[in-house]
C-alpha atoms as a PDB file:
ATOM      1  CA  MET A   1       0.000   0.000   0.000  1.00  0.00           C
ATOM      2  CA  LYS A   2       1.654   3.269  -1.121  1.00  0.00           C
ATOM      3  CA  ILE A   3       0.684   6.773  -0.050  1.00  0.00           C
ATOM      4  CA  ILE A   4       1.213   8.285  -3.505  1.00  0.00           C
ATOM      5  CA  GLN A   5      -1.038   5.702  -5.166  1.00  0.00           C
ATOM      6  CA  ASN A   6      -3.916   6.499  -2.816  1.00  0.00           C
ATOM      7  CA  ILE A   7      -3.586  10.267  -2.504  1.00  0.00           C
ATOM      8  CA  THR A   8      -5.941  11.027  -5.406  1.00  0.00           C
ATOM      9  CA  SER A   9      -8.875   9.355  -3.632  1.00  0.00           C
ATOM     10  CA  ASN A  10      -8.273  11.241  -0.391  1.00  0.00           C
ATOM     11  CA  PRO A  11     -11.114  13.764   0.193  1.00  0.00           C
ATOM     12  CA  PHE A  12      -8.701  16.496   1.342  1.00  0.00           C
ATOM     13  CA  ALA A  13      -6.631  16.040  -1.807  1.00  0.00           C
ATOM     14  CA  GLN A  14      -9.769  16.247  -3.932  1.00  0.00           C
ATOM     15  CA  VAL A  15     -10.752  19.508  -2.229  1.00  0.00           C
ATOM     16  CA  SER A  16      -7.230  20.812  -2.855  1.00  0.00           C
ATOM     17  CA  LEU A  17      -7.500  20.011  -6.560  1.00  0.00           C
ATOM     18  CA  LEU A  18     -10.902  21.724  -6.791  1.00  0.00           C
ATOM     19  CA  ILE A  19      -9.556  24.849  -5.093  1.00  0.00           C
ATOM     20  CA  ALA A  20      -6.484  24.888  -7.316  1.00  0.00           C
ATOM     21  CA  THR A  21      -8.447  24.317 -10.532  1.00  0.00           C
ATOM     22  CA  PHE A  22     -11.560  26.442 -10.139  1.00  0.00           C
ATOM     23  CA  GLY A  23     -10.877  28.562  -7.072  1.00  0.00           C
ATOM     24  CA  GLY A  24      -7.640  29.850  -8.528  1.00  0.00           C
ATOM     25  CA  LEU A  25      -9.260  30.992 -11.773  1.00  0.00           C
ATOM     26  CA  LEU A  26     -12.147  32.642  -9.928  1.00  0.00           C
ATOM     27  CA  ALA A  27      -9.905  34.365  -7.385  1.00  0.00           C
ATOM     28  CA  ASP A  28      -7.565  35.596 -10.120  1.00  0.00           C
ATOM     29  CA  SER A  29     -10.418  37.107 -12.104  1.00  0.00           C
ATOM     30  CA  ILE A  30     -11.892  38.876  -9.057  1.00  0.00           C
ATOM     31  CA  TYR A  31      -8.926  39.745  -6.807  1.00  0.00           C
ATOM     32  CA  GLY A  32      -6.018  39.490  -9.192  1.00  0.00           C
ATOM     33  CA  LYS A  33      -2.615  38.039  -8.344  1.00  0.00           C
ATOM     34  CA  GLU A  34      -3.093  38.316  -4.562  1.00  0.00           C
ATOM     35  CA  GLY A  35      -6.303  36.277  -4.742  1.00  0.00           C
ATOM     36  CA  PHE A  36      -4.584  33.663  -6.866  1.00  0.00           C
ATOM     37  CA  ALA A  37      -1.678  33.449  -4.374  1.00  0.00           C
ATOM     38  CA  ASP A  38      -4.050  33.048  -1.411  1.00  0.00           C
ATOM     39  CA  THR A  39      -5.934  30.312  -3.233  1.00  0.00           C
ATOM     40  CA  THR A  40      -2.670  28.520  -4.010  1.00  0.00           C
ATOM     41  CA  ILE A  41      -1.678  28.616  -0.336  1.00  0.00           C
ATOM     42  CA  LEU A  42      -5.083  27.253   0.696  1.00  0.00           C
ATOM     43  CA  ALA A  43      -4.887  24.456  -1.873  1.00  0.00           C
ATOM     44  CA  THR A  44      -1.381  23.598  -0.658  1.00  0.00           C
ATOM     45  CA  ILE A  45      -2.558  23.407   2.964  1.00  0.00           C
ATOM     46  CA  PHE A  46      -5.315  20.992   1.997  1.00  0.00           C
ATOM     47  CA  MET A  47      -2.892  18.891  -0.032  1.00  0.00           C
ATOM     48  CA  LEU A  48      -0.355  18.744   2.787  1.00  0.00           C
ATOM     49  CA  TYR A  49      -3.087  17.652   5.180  1.00  0.00           C
ATOM     50  CA  ALA A  50      -4.155  15.011   2.650  1.00  0.00           C
ATOM     51  CA  PHE A  51      -0.626  13.573   2.710  1.00  0.00           C
ATOM     52  CA  TYR A  52      -0.666  13.629   6.514  1.00  0.00           C
ATOM     53  CA  ASP A  53      -4.061  11.896   6.545  1.00  0.00           C
ATOM     54  CA  GLU A  54      -2.817   9.226   4.141  1.00  0.00           C
ATOM     55  CA  TRP A  55       0.338   8.755   6.207  1.00  0.00           C
ATOM     56  CA  LYS A  56      -1.752   8.114   9.336  1.00  0.00           C
ATOM     57  CA  THR A  57      -3.943   5.640   7.475  1.00  0.00           C
ATOM     58  CA  HIS A  58      -0.921   3.943   5.924  1.00  0.00           C
ATOM     59  CA  ARG A  59       0.627   3.517   9.374  1.00  0.00           C
ATOM     60  CA  ILE A  60      -2.567   1.806  10.616  1.00  0.00           C
ATOM     61  CA  TYR A  61      -3.437  -0.265   7.560  1.00  0.00           C
ATOM     62  CA  GLY A  62       0.132  -1.010   6.590  1.00  0.00           C
ATOM     63  CA  HIS A  63       1.613  -1.979   9.940  1.00  0.00           C
ATOM     64  CA  ASP A  64      -0.909  -2.332  12.791  1.00  0.00           C
ATOM     65  CA  ILE A  65      -3.136  -5.282  13.622  1.00  0.00           C
ATOM     66  CA  LEU A  66      -6.165  -4.834  11.407  1.00  0.00           C
ATOM     67  CA  PRO A  67      -9.683  -5.777  12.574  1.00  0.00           C
ATOM     68  CA  VAL A  68     -11.793  -7.456   9.888  1.00  0.00           C
ATOM     69  CA  PRO A  69     -15.498  -8.112  10.575  1.00  0.00           C
ATOM     70  CA  ILE A  70     -16.929 -11.464   9.438  1.00  0.00           C
ATOM     71  CA  VAL A  71     -20.661 -12.225   9.538  1.00  0.00           C
ATOM     72  CA  ILE A  72     -21.865 -15.789   8.980  1.00  0.00           C
ATOM     73  CA  SER A  73     -25.585 -16.510   9.075  1.00  0.00           C
ATOM     74  CA  VAL A  74     -27.099 -19.981   8.874  1.00  0.00           C
ATOM     75  CA  ASP A  75     -30.851 -20.519   8.748  1.00  0.00           C
ATOM     76  CA  ASP A  76     -31.677 -17.054  10.086  1.00  0.00           C
ATOM     77  CA  ASP A  77     -33.741 -14.180   8.695  1.00  0.00           C
ATOM     78  CA  LYS A  78     -31.701 -11.300  10.082  1.00  0.00           C
ATOM     79  CA  SER A  79     -29.997  -9.036   7.574  1.00  0.00           C
ATOM     80  CA  THR A  80     -26.271  -9.788   7.355  1.00  0.00           C
ATOM     81  CA  GLU A  81     -25.726  -6.202   6.169  1.00  0.00           C
ATOM     82  CA  ILE A  82     -27.268  -4.765   9.345  1.00  0.00           C
ATOM     83  CA  ILE A  83     -25.234  -7.143  11.518  1.00  0.00           C
ATOM     84  CA  PHE A  84     -22.069  -6.320   9.562  1.00  0.00           C
ATOM     85  CA  ASN A  85     -22.586  -2.575  10.002  1.00  0.00           C
ATOM     86  CA  SER A  86     -23.179  -3.017  13.740  1.00  0.00           C
ATOM     87  CA  ILE A  87     -19.861  -4.889  14.094  1.00  0.00           C
ATOM     88  CA  VAL A  88     -18.112  -2.185  12.071  1.00  0.00           C
ATOM     89  CA  GLU A  89     -19.582   0.462  14.385  1.00  0.00           C
ATOM     90  CA  GLU A  90     -18.288  -1.466  17.397  1.00  0.00           C
ATOM     91  CA  ILE A  91     -14.773  -1.611  15.893  1.00  0.00           C
ATOM     92  CA  GLU A  92     -14.898   2.078  14.953  1.00  0.00           C
ATOM     93  CA  LYS A  93     -15.329   3.031  18.604  1.00  0.00           C
ATOM     94  CA  ASP A  94     -11.554   2.988  18.390  1.00  0.00           C
ATOM     95  CA  LYS A  95     -11.296   6.197  16.377  1.00  0.00           C
ATOM     96  CA  LYS A  96      -8.186   5.140  14.468  1.00  0.00           C
ATOM     97  CA  TYR A  97     -10.358   2.631  12.586  1.00  0.00           C
ATOM     98  CA  LYS A  98     -12.910   5.226  11.489  1.00  0.00           C
ATOM     99  CA  GLY A  99     -13.975   4.515   7.916  1.00  0.00           C
ATOM    100  CA  LEU A 100     -13.006   0.845   8.256  1.00  0.00           C
ATOM    101  CA  LYS A 101     -15.362  -0.506   5.604  1.00  0.00           C
ATOM    102  CA  ASN A 102     -14.245   2.009   2.970  1.00  0.00           C
ATOM    103  CA  ASN A 103     -10.569   1.620   3.845  1.00  0.00           C
ATOM    104  CA  LEU A 104     -10.661  -2.178   3.574  1.00  0.00           C
ATOM    105  CA  GLU A 105     -11.965  -1.775   0.042  1.00  0.00           C
ATOM    106  CA  LYS A 106      -9.677   1.135  -0.799  1.00  0.00           C
ATOM    107  CA  TYR A 107      -6.391  -0.364   0.380  1.00  0.00           C
ATOM    108  CA  PHE A 108      -6.967  -4.104   0.055  1.00  0.00           C
ATOM    109  CA  ASN A 109      -9.837  -4.439  -2.416  1.00  0.00           C
ATOM    110  CA  ILE A 110     -11.871  -6.235   0.266  1.00  0.00           C
ATOM    111  CA  SER A 111     -15.551  -5.397  -0.062  1.00  0.00           C
ATOM    112  CA  SER A 112     -18.297  -6.215   2.431  1.00  0.00           C
ATOM    113  CA  ASP A 113     -19.488  -8.941   0.033  1.00  0.00           C
ATOM    114  CA  MET A 114     -16.282 -10.835   0.836  1.00  0.00           C
ATOM    115  CA  LEU A 115     -17.018 -10.581   4.548  1.00  0.00           C
ATOM    116  CA  THR A 116     -20.679 -11.609   4.823  1.00  0.00           C
ATOM    117  CA  PHE A 117     -22.035 -15.115   4.242  1.00  0.00           C
ATOM    118  CA  LYS A 118     -25.617 -16.350   4.380  1.00  0.00           C
ATOM    119  CA  TYR A 119     -26.915 -19.925   4.121  1.00  0.00           C
ATOM    120  CA  ASN A 120     -30.651 -20.508   3.853  1.00  0.00           C
ATOM    121  CA  GLY A 121     -30.636 -24.110   2.647  1.00  0.00           C
ATOM    122  CA  ASP A 122     -31.223 -27.367   4.465  1.00  0.00           C
ATOM    123  CA  ILE A 123     -28.394 -27.707   7.003  1.00  0.00           C
ATOM    124  CA  TYR A 124     -28.690 -31.502   6.765  1.00  0.00           C
ATOM    125  CA  GLU A 125     -27.871 -31.397   3.045  1.00  0.00           C
ATOM    126  CA  GLU A 126     -24.206 -32.101   3.708  1.00  0.00           C
ATOM    127  CA  ALA A 127     -22.751 -31.531   0.229  1.00  0.00           C
ATOM    128  CA  ARG A 128     -24.396 -28.124  -0.044  1.00  0.00           C
ATOM    129  CA  LEU A 129     -23.398 -27.128   3.486  1.00  0.00           C
ATOM    130  CA  ILE A 130     -19.779 -28.131   2.865  1.00  0.00           C
ATOM    131  CA  SER A 131     -19.786 -26.080  -0.354  1.00  0.00           C
ATOM    132  CA  PHE A 132     -20.862 -23.111   1.758  1.00  0.00           C
ATOM    133  CA  PHE A 133     -17.925 -23.730   4.112  1.00  0.00           C
ATOM    134  CA  GLN A 134     -15.553 -23.990   1.141  1.00  0.00           C
ATOM    135  CA  ILE A 135     -16.647 -20.551  -0.083  1.00  0.00           C
ATOM    136  CA  ILE A 136     -15.994 -19.057   3.342  1.00  0.00           C
ATOM    137  CA  LYS A 137     -12.612 -20.777   3.641  1.00  0.00           C
ATOM    138  CA  TYR A 138     -11.557 -19.553   0.207  1.00  0.00           C
ATOM    139  CA  GLN A 139     -12.468 -15.955   1.072  1.00  0.00           C
ATOM    140  CA  LEU A 140     -10.660 -16.153   4.420  1.00  0.00           C
ATOM    141  CA  ASN A 141      -7.537 -17.327   2.612  1.00  0.00           C
ATOM    142  CA  GLU A 142      -7.862 -14.429   0.165  1.00  0.00           C
ATOM    143  CA  ILE A 143      -8.178 -11.934   3.010  1.00  0.00           C
ATOM    144  CA  ASN A 144      -5.088 -13.356   4.704  1.00  0.00           C
ATOM    145  CA  LYS A 145      -3.160 -13.118   1.434  1.00  0.00           C
ATOM    146  CA  ARG A 146      -4.072  -9.458   0.995  1.00  0.00           C
ATOM    147  CA  ILE A 147      -3.572  -8.352   4.591  1.00  0.00           C
ATOM    148  CA  GLY A 148      -1.161 -10.941   5.949  1.00  0.00           C
ATOM    149  CA  HIS A 149      -1.008 -12.262   9.488  1.00  0.00           C
ATOM    150  CA  ARG A 150      -1.872  -8.828  10.900  1.00  0.00           C
ATOM    151  CA  VAL A 151      -5.581  -9.564  10.489  1.00  0.00           C
ATOM    152  CA  GLN A 152      -7.784  -9.862  13.572  1.00  0.00           C
ATOM    153  CA  PHE A 153     -11.117 -11.406  12.633  1.00  0.00           C
ATOM    154  CA  HIS A 154     -14.217 -10.152  14.448  1.00  0.00           C
ATOM    155  CA  ILE A 155     -16.726 -12.995  14.114  1.00  0.00           C
ATOM    156  CA  ALA A 156     -20.480 -12.658  14.411  1.00  0.00           C
ATOM    157  CA  TYR A 157     -22.113 -16.039  13.830  1.00  0.00           C
ATOM    158  CA  LEU A 158     -25.754 -17.092  14.071  1.00  0.00           C
ATOM    159  CA  ARG A 159     -27.928 -19.188  14.427  1.00  0.00           C
ATOM    160  CA  ARG A 160     -27.266 -22.960  14.614  1.00  0.00           C
ATOM    161  CA  PRO A 161     -24.664 -23.846  17.286  1.00  0.00           C
ATOM    162  CA  GLY A 162     -24.021 -27.222  15.633  1.00  0.00           C
ATOM    163  CA  VAL A 163     -22.734 -25.417  12.555  1.00  0.00           C
ATOM    164  CA  GLY A 164     -20.775 -23.081  14.840  1.00  0.00           C
ATOM    165  CA  PHE A 165     -18.298 -25.864  15.653  1.00  0.00           C
ATOM    166  CA  VAL A 166     -17.341 -26.025  11.980  1.00  0.00           C
ATOM    167  CA  VAL A 167     -17.265 -22.234  11.629  1.00  0.00           C
ATOM    168  CA  GLY A 168     -14.789 -21.970  14.509  1.00  0.00           C
ATOM    169  CA  GLY A 169     -12.559 -24.640  12.979  1.00  0.00           C
ATOM    170  CA  MET A 170     -11.958 -22.422   9.940  1.00  0.00           C
ATOM    171  CA  PHE A 171     -10.152 -19.799  12.013  1.00  0.00           C
ATOM    172  CA  ARG A 172      -6.772 -19.987  13.691  1.00  0.00           C
ATOM    173  CA  THR A 173      -6.768 -20.058  17.477  1.00  0.00           C
ATOM    174  CA  ASP A 174      -5.494 -16.542  18.139  1.00  0.00           C
ATOM    175  CA  GLY A 175      -6.158 -13.041  16.896  1.00  0.00           C
ATOM    176  CA  ILE A 176      -9.915 -13.557  17.099  1.00  0.00           C
ATOM    177  CA  VAL A 177     -12.757 -11.504  18.604  1.00  0.00           C
ATOM    178  CA  VAL A 178     -16.077 -13.331  19.029  1.00  0.00           C
ATOM    179  CA  TYR A 179     -19.550 -11.773  19.271  1.00  0.00           C
ATOM    180  CA  GLN A 180     -22.798 -13.260  20.574  1.00  0.00           C
ATOM    181  CA  ASN A 181     -26.333 -12.451  19.506  1.00  0.00           C
ATOM    182  CA  ASN A 182     -28.210 -10.545  22.235  1.00  0.00           C
ATOM    183  CA  ASP A 183     -31.880 -11.509  22.107  1.00  0.00           C
ATOM    184  CA  HIS A 184     -32.854  -8.627  24.405  1.00  0.00           C
ATOM    185  CA  THR A 185     -31.311  -5.834  22.325  1.00  0.00           C
ATOM    186  CA  GLY A 186     -31.415  -7.498  18.920  1.00  0.00           C
ATOM    187  CA  GLY A 187     -27.723  -6.665  18.459  1.00  0.00           C
ATOM    188  CA  PHE A 188     -24.406  -8.420  18.990  1.00  0.00           C
ATOM    189  CA  ASP A 189     -22.181  -8.115  22.043  1.00  0.00           C
ATOM    190  CA  LYS A 190     -18.446  -8.748  22.135  1.00  0.00           C
ATOM    191  CA  VAL A 191     -17.929 -11.699  24.493  1.00  0.00           C
ATOM    192  CA  ALA A 192     -14.368 -12.912  23.933  1.00  0.00           C
ATOM    193  CA  THR A 193     -10.977 -11.857  22.630  1.00  0.00           C
ATOM    194  CA  VAL A 194      -8.614 -14.735  21.929  1.00  0.00           C
ATOM    195  CA  ASN A 195      -5.007 -13.550  21.575  1.00  0.00           C
ATOM    196  CA  THR A 196      -3.123 -16.712  22.547  1.00  0.00           C
ATOM    197  CA  ARG A 197      -3.502 -20.492  22.511  1.00  0.00           C
ATOM    198  CA  GLN A 198      -3.587 -20.476  26.307  1.00  0.00           C
ATOM    199  CA  TYR A 199      -7.226 -21.549  26.407  1.00  0.00           C
ATOM    200  CA  LYS A 200      -6.157 -24.947  25.017  1.00  0.00           C
ATOM    201  CA  GLU A 201      -3.887 -25.555  27.987  1.00  0.00           C
ATOM    202  CA  LYS A 202      -4.721 -28.246  30.533  1.00  0.00           C
ATOM    203  CA  ILE A 203      -6.683 -27.201  33.614  1.00  0.00           C
ATOM    204  CA  GLU A 204      -7.039 -28.887  36.983  1.00  0.00           C
ATOM    205  CA  ASN A 205     -10.269 -27.405  38.318  1.00  0.00           C
ATOM    206  CA  TYR A 206     -13.580 -26.793  36.615  1.00  0.00           C
ATOM    207  CA  GLU A 207     -15.084 -23.457  37.576  1.00  0.00           C
ATOM    208  CA  LYS A 208     -17.907 -23.207  35.055  1.00  0.00           C
ATOM    209  CA  PHE A 209     -19.151 -26.811  34.700  1.00  0.00           C
ATOM    210  CA  ASP A 210     -20.084 -29.892  36.632  1.00  0.00           C
ATOM    211  CA  ILE A 211     -18.591 -32.910  34.862  1.00  0.00           C
ATOM    212  CA  ASP A 212     -20.491 -36.181  35.268  1.00  0.00           C
ATOM    213  CA  ARG A 213     -18.408 -39.169  34.157  1.00  0.00           C
ATOM    214  CA  SER A 214     -20.469 -41.781  36.012  1.00  0.00           C
ATOM    215  CA  GLU A 215     -21.542 -43.389  32.712  1.00  0.00           C
ATOM    216  CA  ALA A 216     -18.315 -42.794  30.821  1.00  0.00           C
ATOM    217  CA  HIS A 217     -17.400 -46.487  30.936  1.00  0.00           C
ATOM    218  CA  LYS A 218     -20.807 -48.091  31.198  1.00  0.00           C
ATOM    219  CA  GLU A 219     -19.996 -50.378  28.271  1.00  0.00           C
ATOM    220  CA  LYS A 220     -16.234 -50.943  28.204  1.00  0.00           C
ATOM    221  CA  SER A 221     -16.279 -52.834  24.902  1.00  0.00           C
ATOM    222  CA  ASP A 222     -17.961 -49.869  23.216  1.00  0.00           C
ATOM    223  CA  ASP A 223     -15.583 -47.258  21.775  1.00  0.00           C
ATOM    224  CA  ASN A 224     -18.355 -44.714  21.151  1.00  0.00           C
ATOM    225  CA  LEU A 225     -18.921 -41.802  23.514  1.00  0.00           C
ATOM    226  CA  LEU A 226     -21.800 -39.328  23.765  1.00  0.00           C
ATOM    227  CA  ILE A 227     -20.980 -35.928  25.250  1.00  0.00           C
ATOM    228  CA  LEU A 228     -24.001 -33.963  26.447  1.00  0.00           C
ATOM    229  CA  LEU A 229     -23.096 -30.290  26.580  1.00  0.00           C
ATOM    230  CA  GLN A 230     -25.670 -28.311  28.563  1.00  0.00           C
ATOM    231  CA  ILE A 231     -25.350 -24.530  28.940  1.00  0.00           C
ATOM    232  CA  SER A 232     -28.576 -22.907  27.732  1.00  0.00           C
ATOM    233  CA  SER A 233     -31.862 -22.984  29.613  1.00  0.00           C
ATOM    234  CA  HIS A 234     -33.542 -25.519  27.301  1.00  0.00           C
ATOM    235  CA  ASN A 235     -32.491 -28.978  28.465  1.00  0.00           C
ATOM    236  CA  ILE A 236     -31.172 -31.779  26.298  1.00  0.00           C
ATOM    237  CA  SER A 237     -33.727 -34.573  25.980  1.00  0.00           C
ATOM    238  CA  GLU A 238     -31.734 -37.718  26.667  1.00  0.00           C
ATOM    239  CA  SER A 239     -34.812 -39.838  25.961  1.00  0.00           C
ATOM    240  CA  SER A 240     -34.681 -38.911  22.268  1.00  0.00           C
ATOM    241  CA  GLU A 241     -34.676 -42.014  20.073  1.00  0.00           C
ATOM    242  CA  SER A 242     -31.449 -41.102  18.299  1.00  0.00           C
ATOM    243  CA  LEU A 243     -29.538 -40.942  21.620  1.00  0.00           C
ATOM    244  CA  LYS A 244     -30.687 -44.277  23.035  1.00  0.00           C
ATOM    245  CA  LYS A 245     -27.998 -46.185  21.133  1.00  0.00           C
ATOM    246  CA  PHE A 246     -25.241 -44.599  23.229  1.00  0.00           C
ATOM    247  CA  SER A 247     -24.129 -46.435  26.375  1.00  0.00           C
ATOM    248  CA  ASN A 248     -21.104 -44.356  27.330  1.00  0.00           C
ATOM    249  CA  LYS A 249     -21.892 -40.773  28.264  1.00  0.00           C
ATOM    250  CA  ILE A 250     -20.237 -37.726  29.771  1.00  0.00           C
ATOM    251  CA  ARG A 251     -22.407 -34.819  30.874  1.00  0.00           C
ATOM    252  CA  ILE A 252     -20.961 -31.306  30.880  1.00  0.00           C
ATOM    253  CA  THR A 253     -23.479 -29.108  32.687  1.00  0.00           C
ATOM    254  CA  SER A 254     -23.110 -25.405  33.378  1.00  0.00           C
ATOM    255  CA  LYS A 255     -23.106 -24.388  37.029  1.00  0.00           C
ATOM    256  CA  GLY A 256     -25.021 -21.243  36.084  1.00  0.00           C
ATOM    257  CA  ASN A 257     -28.716 -20.562  35.710  1.00  0.00           C
ATOM    258  CA  GLY A 258     -29.008 -21.439  32.042  1.00  0.00           C
ATOM    259  CA  THR A 259     -27.458 -18.287  30.611  1.00  0.00           C
ATOM    260  CA  ILE A 260     -23.961 -16.832  30.441  1.00  0.00           C
ATOM    261  CA  GLY A 261     -23.650 -13.166  31.332  1.00  0.00           C
ATOM    262  CA  PHE A 262     -22.086 -11.041  28.634  1.00  0.00           C
ATOM    263  CA  ASP A 263     -19.525  -9.843  31.175  1.00  0.00           C
ATOM    264  CA  GLU A 264     -18.420 -13.377  32.119  1.00  0.00           C
ATOM    265  CA  ASP A 265     -15.240 -15.127  30.992  1.00  0.00           C
ATOM    266  CA  TRP A 266     -16.497 -16.914  27.872  1.00  0.00           C
ATOM    267  CA  VAL A 267     -13.016 -18.140  26.999  1.00  0.00           C
ATOM    268  CA  ARG A 268     -12.937 -20.089  30.266  1.00  0.00           C
ATOM    269  CA  TYR A 269     -16.161 -21.882  29.282  1.00  0.00           C
ATOM    270  CA  ALA A 270     -14.609 -22.943  25.979  1.00  0.00           C
ATOM    271  CA  GLN A 271     -11.375 -23.976  27.701  1.00  0.00           C
ATOM    272  CA  GLU A 272     -13.161 -26.295  30.133  1.00  0.00           C
ATOM    273  CA  ILE A 273     -15.228 -27.918  27.370  1.00  0.00           C
ATOM    274  CA  TYR A 274     -12.119 -28.457  25.260  1.00  0.00           C
ATOM    275  CA  ASN A 275     -10.307 -30.051  28.206  1.00  0.00           C
ATOM    276  CA  VAL A 276     -13.058 -32.611  28.677  1.00  0.00           C
ATOM    277  CA  ILE A 277     -13.177 -33.506  24.971  1.00  0.00           C
ATOM    278  CA  ASN A 278      -9.399 -33.574  24.679  1.00  0.00           C
ATOM    279  CA  GLY A 279      -9.210 -36.047  27.571  1.00  0.00           C
ATOM    280  CA  CYS A 280     -11.491 -38.474  25.698  1.00  0.00           C
ATOM    281  CA  LYS A 281      -9.952 -38.529  22.234  1.00  0.00           C
ATOM    282  CA  GLU A 282      -7.455 -41.342  22.927  1.00  0.00           C
ATOM    283  CA  GLU A 283      -9.934 -43.502  24.801  1.00  0.00           C
ATOM    284  CA  TYR A 284     -12.837 -43.459  22.341  1.00  0.00           C
ATOM    285  CA  LYS A 285     -12.759 -44.026  18.605  1.00  0.00           C
ATOM    286  CA  ASN A 286     -15.936 -42.063  17.939  1.00  0.00           C
ATOM    287  CA  ILE A 287     -17.218 -39.039  19.857  1.00  0.00           C
ATOM    288  CA  THR A 288     -20.664 -37.527  19.390  1.00  0.00           C
ATOM    289  CA  ILE A 289     -21.663 -34.137  20.785  1.00  0.00           C
ATOM    290  CA  VAL A 290     -25.231 -33.029  21.495  1.00  0.00           C
ATOM    291  CA  HIS A 291     -25.634 -29.552  22.865  1.00  0.00           C
ATOM    292  CA  SER A 292     -27.712 -26.758  24.267  1.00  0.00           C
ATOM    293  CA  MET A 293     -25.425 -23.742  24.098  1.00  0.00           C
ATOM    294  CA  PRO A 294     -24.786 -20.234  22.728  1.00  0.00           C
ATOM    295  CA  GLU A 295     -23.333 -19.946  19.239  1.00  0.00           C
ATOM    296  CA  ALA A 296     -20.217 -18.060  20.398  1.00  0.00           C
ATOM    297  CA  ILE A 297     -19.169 -20.934  22.675  1.00  0.00           C
ATOM    298  CA  ALA A 298     -19.580 -23.390  19.791  1.00  0.00           C
ATOM    299  CA  VAL A 299     -17.359 -21.181  17.612  1.00  0.00           C
ATOM    300  CA  MET A 300     -14.606 -21.027  20.249  1.00  0.00           C
ATOM    301  CA  VAL A 301     -14.712 -24.767  20.961  1.00  0.00           C
ATOM    302  CA  GLY A 302     -14.580 -25.346  17.190  1.00  0.00           C
ATOM    303  CA  MET A 303     -11.463 -23.168  17.016  1.00  0.00           C
ATOM    304  CA  ALA A 304      -9.791 -25.433  19.572  1.00  0.00           C
ATOM    305  CA  LEU A 305     -10.879 -28.663  17.869  1.00  0.00           C
ATOM    306  CA  GLU A 306      -9.835 -27.302  14.442  1.00  0.00           C
ATOM    307  CA  ASN A 307     -12.084 -29.812  12.609  1.00  0.00           C
ATOM    308  CA  TYR A 308      -9.389 -32.509  12.780  1.00  0.00           C
ATOM    309  CA  TRP A 309     -11.072 -34.947  15.157  1.00  0.00           C
ATOM    310  CA  ASN A 310     -13.511 -37.736  14.426  1.00  0.00           C
ATOM    311  CA  ILE A 311     -16.437 -36.005  16.097  1.00  0.00           C
ATOM    312  CA  ASP A 312     -20.066 -36.137  15.021  1.00  0.00           C
ATOM    313  CA  ILE A 313     -22.113 -33.032  15.773  1.00  0.00           C
ATOM    314  CA  TYR A 314     -25.834 -33.524  16.383  1.00  0.00           C
ATOM    315  CA  GLN A 315     -28.406 -30.736  16.062  1.00  0.00           C
ATOM    316  CA  TYR A 316     -31.911 -30.687  17.531  1.00  0.00           C
ATOM    317  CA  HIS A 317     -34.467 -31.014  14.755  1.00  0.00           C
ATOM    318  CA  ALA A 318     -38.182 -31.895  14.728  1.00  0.00           C
ATOM    319  CA  SER A 319     -38.219 -33.136  18.347  1.00  0.00           C
ATOM    320  CA  GLN A 320     -35.170 -35.334  17.779  1.00  0.00           C
ATOM    321  CA  TYR A 321     -31.387 -35.022  17.665  1.00  0.00           C
ATOM    322  CA  LYS A 322     -30.110 -35.579  14.173  1.00  0.00           C
ATOM    323  CA  LYS A 323     -26.539 -35.958  12.924  1.00  0.00           C
ATOM    324  CA  LEU A 324     -25.486 -32.728  11.279  1.00  0.00           C
ATOM    325  CA  ILE A 325     -21.880 -33.275  10.236  1.00  0.00           C
ATOM    326  CA  ASN A 326     -18.592 -34.978  11.055  1.00  0.00           C
ATOM    327  CA  LEU A 327     -15.776 -32.511  11.706  1.00  0.00           C
ATOM    328  CA  GLN A 328     -13.125 -34.519   9.839  1.00  0.00           C
ATOM    329  CA  SER A 329     -15.228 -34.594   6.684  1.00  0.00           C
ATOM    330  CA  VAL A 330     -15.064 -30.807   6.579  1.00  0.00           C
ATOM    331  CA  VAL A 331     -11.268 -30.688   6.854  1.00  0.00           C
ATOM    332  CA  TYR A 332     -10.834 -32.991   3.855  1.00  0.00           C
ATOM    333  CA  SER A 333     -13.020 -30.657   1.793  1.00  0.00           C
ATOM    334  CA  PHE A 334     -10.711 -27.691   2.518  1.00  0.00           C
ATOM    335  CA  LYS A 335      -7.615 -29.179   0.881  1.00  0.00           C
ATOM    336  CA  ASN A 336      -8.174 -27.360  -2.407  1.00  0.00           C
ATOM    337  CA  CYS A 337      -9.408 -24.097  -0.887  1.00  0.00           C
END
């Protein structure tokens, strides 16, 4: 990104050119040489400020960590454009990122169309859903190519948590800001900033969850495990027909009242869930997750799992839990992205 190449699109430079072109002629005809000189000085001041403005922007967009909003909507009617603009407004509260949307397009040729994704199809149509993921993955790779590793993705995802596991697996495990839909305000609140891989580290004590392993080895000859992940207020129905085939179970149940406060440590929730799953991967050949949880937690857990494990994700559908996708199957589809 070069200052000279972008100076012509700077609004202060454009004003300078207008003053120099038309103001100079008008001032010369009315006030003579003195008017022309004054106009030249004014045009020069505007042009100098334009260079200063471009230098400031170049310093931010050429060297600093750059926030990039990403909106992914699955099976939801909300406008991705409205959500995108709300995330941009949140980022622009830091005044140095004012004009973020225009500057991403101006300096990196990254339009909002590259940053918003909407899926309205059947989420159980696996080939179509994976194609949707491939499009997102391709665009993320393009963004990284154009900006480099300075990018900090700001992710707003809604509405199916089961899909959120896969969404999280498409992002690296640091330099991420995660937002959660707020049903009370209709907007999105920032709930987590992940700057290191620390949340994948082993923990000794569980602060956010009660872990019930009483049925973890109910059938020792069975290498299948069902993990029941309960955070939200609506309870998982273990009597569902599709869950009866599982003998070995681990229940991860939030110690809270069915909701997570927006001011709580959401990263800690994801860290504890990851620790439980990570402790099972060597012992069981197949792991299945059923859940009642916020989308942002699913995204963060997906970031930790990175779509490399043989894990089936089930989603509640028509009074039953139905297999949505296997995380490994998604990774294989990304090889050519």
